[in-house]
């Protein structure tokens, strides 16, 4: 599956952004989709993930501020980011694991910059 991430940009602290990850195929039965981020000098870290049963999982640092969701009709996963902080600045990557036996597919990354 091919993934296309978009929606990044420059925002002031306290602002909001919504990232989108459009898949090349149907995501309705996907086992797992989510977002990682990588800040300069840091390793890629999980931000949020959405399981096929609707359960979600968030990094502690974004709980209560970020929300992951998906629109199966549009084959798109979203990451709504509110109350953004400078430490949220990173390149955000979406990913998908279509089945338990699939390899992980990655999007190309979208830059999010939060100014103080």
N, C-alpha and C. Protein backbone atom coordinates (compact mmCIF):
# COMPACT_ATOMS: atom_id res chain seq x y z
N UNK A 1 0.85 -1.18 0.00
CA UNK A 1 0.00 0.00 0.00
C UNK A 1 0.89 1.24 0.00
N UNK A 2 0.46 2.25 -0.75
CA UNK A 2 1.19 3.53 -0.75
C UNK A 2 0.44 4.53 0.12
N UNK A 3 1.21 5.33 0.86
CA UNK A 3 0.63 6.29 1.77
C UNK A 3 1.14 7.68 1.44
N UNK A 4 0.25 8.66 1.47
CA UNK A 4 0.59 10.05 1.19
C UNK A 4 0.17 10.91 2.37
N UNK A 5 1.16 11.42 3.08
CA UNK A 5 0.89 12.28 4.24
C UNK A 5 0.85 13.73 3.82
N UNK A 6 0.00 14.50 4.49
CA UNK A 6 -0.10 15.93 4.22
C UNK A 6 -0.64 16.64 5.44
N UNK A 7 -0.61 17.96 5.39
CA UNK A 7 -1.22 18.76 6.44
C UNK A 7 -0.26 19.42 7.40
N UNK A 8 1.03 19.15 7.25
CA UNK A 8 2.00 19.79 8.12
C UNK A 8 2.14 21.27 7.82
N UNK A 9 2.85 21.95 8.68
CA UNK A 9 3.06 23.38 8.47
C UNK A 9 3.64 24.04 9.68
N UNK A 10 3.63 25.36 9.66
CA UNK A 10 4.13 26.18 10.75
C UNK A 10 2.96 26.74 11.53
N UNK A 11 2.99 26.56 12.83
CA UNK A 11 1.90 27.05 13.68
C UNK A 11 2.48 27.56 14.99
N UNK A 12 1.80 28.50 15.59
CA UNK A 12 2.24 29.01 16.88
C UNK A 12 1.83 28.05 18.00
N UNK A 13 2.57 28.11 19.08
CA UNK A 13 2.23 27.30 20.25
C UNK A 13 0.78 27.57 20.66
N UNK A 14 0.08 26.48 20.99
CA UNK A 14 -1.33 26.59 21.33
C UNK A 14 -2.26 26.39 20.15
N UNK A 15 -1.71 26.38 18.96
CA UNK A 15 -2.52 26.22 17.76
C UNK A 15 -2.81 24.77 17.44
N UNK A 16 -3.46 24.57 16.30
CA UNK A 16 -3.88 23.24 15.90
C UNK A 16 -3.49 22.97 14.44
N UNK A 17 -3.31 21.70 14.15
CA UNK A 17 -3.12 21.22 12.79
C UNK A 17 -3.81 19.87 12.67
N UNK A 18 -4.21 19.54 11.45
CA UNK A 18 -4.73 18.21 11.20
C UNK A 18 -3.91 17.57 10.08
N UNK A 19 -3.29 16.47 10.40
CA UNK A 19 -2.54 15.72 9.41
C UNK A 19 -3.44 14.68 8.77
N UNK A 20 -3.20 14.43 7.49
CA UNK A 20 -3.95 13.41 6.76
C UNK A 20 -2.98 12.40 6.17
N UNK A 21 -3.42 11.17 6.08
CA UNK A 21 -2.63 10.11 5.47
C UNK A 21 -3.57 9.33 4.55
N UNK A 22 -3.42 9.55 3.27
CA UNK A 22 -4.28 8.91 2.28
C UNK A 22 -3.62 7.65 1.77
N UNK A 23 -4.36 6.56 1.79
CA UNK A 23 -3.84 5.27 1.33
C UNK A 23 -4.29 4.99 -0.09
N UNK A 24 -3.48 4.20 -0.78
CA UNK A 24 -3.77 3.89 -2.18
C UNK A 24 -4.88 2.85 -2.33
N UNK A 25 -5.21 2.17 -1.24
CA UNK A 25 -6.26 1.16 -1.29
C UNK A 25 -7.18 1.27 -0.11
N UNK A 26 -8.10 0.34 -0.03
CA UNK A 26 -9.07 0.34 1.05
C UNK A 26 -8.41 0.05 2.38
N UNK A 27 -8.74 0.86 3.38
CA UNK A 27 -8.13 0.68 4.70
C UNK A 27 -9.10 0.06 5.69
N UNK A 28 -10.30 -0.24 5.24
CA UNK A 28 -11.33 -0.71 6.15
C UNK A 28 -10.94 -1.93 6.96
N UNK A 29 -10.14 -2.80 6.39
CA UNK A 29 -9.76 -4.02 7.10
C UNK A 29 -8.33 -3.99 7.62
N UNK A 30 -7.70 -2.84 7.51
CA UNK A 30 -6.30 -2.76 7.95
C UNK A 30 -6.16 -3.08 9.43
N UNK A 31 -5.14 -3.82 9.74
CA UNK A 31 -4.88 -4.22 11.13
C UNK A 31 -4.50 -3.03 12.00
N UNK A 32 -3.71 -2.15 11.43
CA UNK A 32 -3.15 -1.07 12.24
C UNK A 32 -2.72 0.08 11.34
N UNK A 33 -3.01 1.29 11.77
CA UNK A 33 -2.49 2.49 11.12
C UNK A 33 -2.13 3.48 12.21
N UNK A 34 -1.20 4.35 11.89
CA UNK A 34 -0.82 5.32 12.92
C UNK A 34 0.19 6.33 12.44
N UNK A 35 0.76 7.02 13.42
CA UNK A 35 1.71 8.09 13.16
C UNK A 35 2.92 7.95 14.10
N UNK A 36 4.08 8.18 13.52
CA UNK A 36 5.31 8.34 14.26
C UNK A 36 5.81 9.77 13.99
N UNK A 37 6.74 10.21 14.78
CA UNK A 37 7.41 11.47 14.51
C UNK A 37 8.89 11.36 14.84
N UNK A 38 9.65 12.21 14.17
CA UNK A 38 11.09 12.23 14.39
C UNK A 38 11.57 13.66 14.42
N UNK A 39 12.09 14.05 15.56
CA UNK A 39 12.68 15.38 15.71
C UNK A 39 14.17 15.29 15.42
N UNK A 40 14.80 16.38 15.03
CA UNK A 40 16.24 16.36 14.72
C UNK A 40 17.05 15.78 15.89
N UNK A 41 17.89 14.82 15.57
CA UNK A 41 18.75 14.23 16.59
C UNK A 41 18.09 13.16 17.42
N UNK A 42 16.82 12.92 17.17
CA UNK A 42 16.09 11.92 17.95
C UNK A 42 15.68 10.73 17.09
N UNK A 43 15.37 9.65 17.73
CA UNK A 43 14.86 8.49 17.02
C UNK A 43 13.38 8.69 16.72
N UNK A 44 12.91 7.96 15.73
CA UNK A 44 11.50 8.00 15.39
C UNK A 44 10.70 7.41 16.56
N UNK A 45 9.63 8.08 16.95
CA UNK A 45 8.87 7.67 18.11
C UNK A 45 7.38 7.61 17.78
N UNK A 46 6.71 6.65 18.38
CA UNK A 46 5.28 6.50 18.16
C UNK A 46 4.51 7.68 18.73
N UNK A 47 3.55 8.17 17.97
CA UNK A 47 2.68 9.25 18.43
C UNK A 47 1.30 8.70 18.76
N UNK A 48 0.73 7.99 17.79
CA UNK A 48 -0.62 7.46 17.97
C UNK A 48 -0.83 6.32 17.00
N UNK A 49 -1.69 5.38 17.38
CA UNK A 49 -2.03 4.29 16.49
C UNK A 49 -3.48 3.90 16.68
N UNK A 50 -4.03 3.35 15.61
CA UNK A 50 -5.43 3.01 15.57
C UNK A 50 -5.56 1.58 15.09
N UNK A 51 -6.16 0.75 15.92
CA UNK A 51 -6.30 -0.66 15.59
C UNK A 51 -7.60 -0.90 14.82
N UNK A 52 -7.68 -2.06 14.20
CA UNK A 52 -8.84 -2.39 13.37
C UNK A 52 -10.13 -2.45 14.18
N UNK A 53 -10.02 -2.73 15.48
CA UNK A 53 -11.23 -2.79 16.31
C UNK A 53 -11.63 -1.43 16.85
N UNK A 54 -10.90 -0.40 16.46
CA UNK A 54 -11.24 0.94 16.88
C UNK A 54 -10.48 1.43 18.10
N UNK A 55 -9.75 0.54 18.74
CA UNK A 55 -8.96 0.97 19.88
C UNK A 55 -7.81 1.87 19.44
N UNK A 56 -7.44 2.76 20.32
CA UNK A 56 -6.36 3.70 20.03
C UNK A 56 -5.30 3.65 21.13
N UNK A 57 -4.13 4.15 20.78
CA UNK A 57 -3.02 4.18 21.70
C UNK A 57 -2.24 5.45 21.41
N UNK A 58 -1.86 6.17 22.46
CA UNK A 58 -1.16 7.44 22.29
C UNK A 58 0.11 7.48 23.14
N UNK A 59 1.08 8.22 22.64
CA UNK A 59 2.22 8.53 23.47
C UNK A 59 1.76 9.39 24.63
N UNK A 60 2.39 9.20 25.77
CA UNK A 60 1.97 9.94 26.96
C UNK A 60 2.02 11.44 26.73
N UNK A 61 3.00 11.88 25.97
CA UNK A 61 3.22 13.32 25.77
C UNK A 61 2.12 14.00 24.95
N UNK A 62 1.30 13.20 24.25
CA UNK A 62 0.27 13.80 23.41
C UNK A 62 -1.14 13.47 23.87
N UNK A 63 -1.27 12.66 24.88
CA UNK A 63 -2.59 12.27 25.37
C UNK A 63 -3.40 13.50 25.78
N UNK A 64 -4.65 13.52 25.34
CA UNK A 64 -5.51 14.65 25.65
C UNK A 64 -5.38 15.80 24.69
N UNK A 65 -4.37 15.78 23.83
CA UNK A 65 -4.17 16.87 22.86
C UNK A 65 -4.34 16.38 21.42
N UNK A 66 -3.93 15.15 21.15
CA UNK A 66 -3.98 14.60 19.79
C UNK A 66 -5.08 13.54 19.72
N UNK A 67 -5.70 13.45 18.56
CA UNK A 67 -6.72 12.44 18.32
C UNK A 67 -6.50 11.81 16.95
N UNK A 68 -6.44 10.48 16.93
CA UNK A 68 -6.31 9.76 15.68
C UNK A 68 -7.67 9.23 15.28
N UNK A 69 -7.96 9.30 13.99
CA UNK A 69 -9.24 8.81 13.50
C UNK A 69 -9.07 8.37 12.05
N UNK A 70 -10.07 7.75 11.51
CA UNK A 70 -9.98 7.35 10.11
C UNK A 70 -11.34 7.46 9.42
N UNK A 71 -11.29 7.67 8.15
CA UNK A 71 -12.48 7.72 7.30
C UNK A 71 -12.30 6.62 6.26
N UNK A 72 -12.97 5.51 6.45
CA UNK A 72 -12.80 4.38 5.53
C UNK A 72 -13.25 4.72 4.11
N UNK A 73 -14.27 5.56 4.00
CA UNK A 73 -14.77 5.92 2.67
C UNK A 73 -13.73 6.70 1.87
N UNK A 74 -12.89 7.44 2.59
CA UNK A 74 -11.85 8.23 1.92
C UNK A 74 -10.49 7.55 2.00
N UNK A 75 -10.43 6.38 2.61
CA UNK A 75 -9.16 5.66 2.77
C UNK A 75 -8.09 6.56 3.39
N UNK A 76 -8.48 7.27 4.42
CA UNK A 76 -7.61 8.28 5.02
C UNK A 76 -7.63 8.17 6.54
N UNK A 77 -6.45 8.31 7.12
CA UNK A 77 -6.30 8.40 8.56
C UNK A 77 -5.88 9.82 8.91
N UNK A 78 -6.42 10.33 9.99
CA UNK A 78 -6.15 11.70 10.40
C UNK A 78 -5.47 11.73 11.77
N UNK A 79 -4.73 12.80 11.98
CA UNK A 79 -4.20 13.09 13.30
C UNK A 79 -4.54 14.54 13.60
N UNK A 80 -5.51 14.74 14.46
CA UNK A 80 -5.88 16.08 14.90
C UNK A 80 -4.98 16.46 16.06
N UNK A 81 -4.26 17.55 15.90
CA UNK A 81 -3.31 17.97 16.92
C UNK A 81 -3.72 19.33 17.45
N UNK A 82 -4.07 19.37 18.71
CA UNK A 82 -4.48 20.60 19.37
C UNK A 82 -3.48 20.99 20.46
N UNK A 83 -3.55 22.21 20.89
CA UNK A 83 -2.67 22.71 21.96
C UNK A 83 -1.22 22.36 21.67
N UNK A 84 -0.81 22.65 20.47
CA UNK A 84 0.54 22.27 20.05
C UNK A 84 1.61 23.01 20.85
N UNK A 85 2.71 22.30 21.08
CA UNK A 85 3.84 22.83 21.84
C UNK A 85 5.09 22.81 20.96
N UNK A 86 6.06 23.65 21.27
CA UNK A 86 7.30 23.62 20.48
C UNK A 86 7.94 22.23 20.43
N UNK A 87 7.80 21.47 21.48
CA UNK A 87 8.39 20.13 21.50
C UNK A 87 7.66 19.14 20.59
N UNK A 88 6.55 19.54 20.01
CA UNK A 88 5.88 18.71 19.01
C UNK A 88 6.51 18.87 17.63
N UNK A 89 7.44 19.80 17.51
CA UNK A 89 8.10 20.02 16.23
C UNK A 89 8.84 18.76 15.80
N UNK A 90 8.54 18.29 14.61
CA UNK A 90 9.13 17.05 14.10
C UNK A 90 8.61 16.80 12.69
N UNK A 91 9.22 15.81 12.05
CA UNK A 91 8.63 15.27 10.83
C UNK A 91 7.71 14.13 11.25
N UNK A 92 6.48 14.18 10.77
CA UNK A 92 5.48 13.18 11.14
C UNK A 92 5.29 12.20 9.98
N UNK A 93 5.35 10.93 10.31
CA UNK A 93 5.22 9.86 9.32
C UNK A 93 4.00 9.01 9.64
N UNK A 94 3.19 8.76 8.64
CA UNK A 94 2.11 7.81 8.85
C UNK A 94 2.57 6.42 8.41
N UNK A 95 1.94 5.41 8.97
CA UNK A 95 2.29 4.06 8.62
C UNK A 95 1.06 3.17 8.66
N UNK A 96 1.18 2.03 8.01
CA UNK A 96 0.08 1.08 7.97
C UNK A 96 0.62 -0.34 7.99
N UNK A 97 -0.08 -1.18 8.70
CA UNK A 97 0.20 -2.61 8.71
C UNK A 97 -1.10 -3.30 8.32
N UNK A 98 -1.26 -3.61 7.06
CA UNK A 98 -2.56 -4.11 6.57
C UNK A 98 -3.06 -5.38 7.27
N UNK A 99 -2.17 -6.33 7.50
CA UNK A 99 -2.56 -7.55 8.20
C UNK A 99 -1.47 -7.88 9.21
N UNK A 100 -1.76 -8.86 10.03
CA UNK A 100 -0.78 -9.26 11.05
C UNK A 100 0.50 -9.78 10.42
N UNK A 101 0.43 -10.19 9.17
CA UNK A 101 1.59 -10.79 8.51
C UNK A 101 2.23 -9.86 7.48
N UNK A 102 1.72 -8.62 7.41
CA UNK A 102 2.24 -7.66 6.42
C UNK A 102 3.45 -6.92 6.96
N UNK A 103 4.26 -6.47 6.04
CA UNK A 103 5.31 -5.53 6.42
C UNK A 103 4.68 -4.15 6.58
N UNK A 104 5.41 -3.28 7.22
CA UNK A 104 4.91 -1.93 7.47
C UNK A 104 5.15 -1.04 6.26
N UNK A 105 4.12 -0.31 5.88
CA UNK A 105 4.25 0.69 4.83
C UNK A 105 4.33 2.07 5.46
N UNK A 106 5.16 2.95 4.88
CA UNK A 106 5.37 4.27 5.44
C UNK A 106 5.02 5.34 4.41
N UNK A 107 4.48 6.45 4.92
CA UNK A 107 4.32 7.62 4.10
C UNK A 107 5.61 8.40 4.05
N UNK A 108 5.63 9.49 3.31
CA UNK A 108 6.86 10.22 3.05
C UNK A 108 7.21 11.23 4.14
N UNK A 109 6.34 11.48 5.07
CA UNK A 109 6.64 12.44 6.12
C UNK A 109 6.14 13.84 5.80
N UNK A 110 5.67 14.51 6.83
CA UNK A 110 5.24 15.89 6.69
C UNK A 110 5.77 16.69 7.88
N UNK A 111 6.34 17.85 7.61
CA UNK A 111 6.99 18.63 8.64
C UNK A 111 5.98 19.44 9.44
N UNK A 112 6.08 19.35 10.76
CA UNK A 112 5.30 20.17 11.67
C UNK A 112 6.27 21.00 12.49
N UNK A 113 6.09 22.31 12.45
CA UNK A 113 6.94 23.22 13.20
C UNK A 113 6.05 24.09 14.08
N UNK A 114 6.33 24.07 15.37
CA UNK A 114 5.55 24.85 16.33
C UNK A 114 6.47 25.91 16.92
N UNK A 115 6.11 27.16 16.71
CA UNK A 115 6.93 28.26 17.21
C UNK A 115 6.44 28.69 18.58
N UNK A 116 7.37 29.15 19.39
CA UNK A 116 7.01 29.59 20.76
C UNK A 116 6.62 31.04 20.80
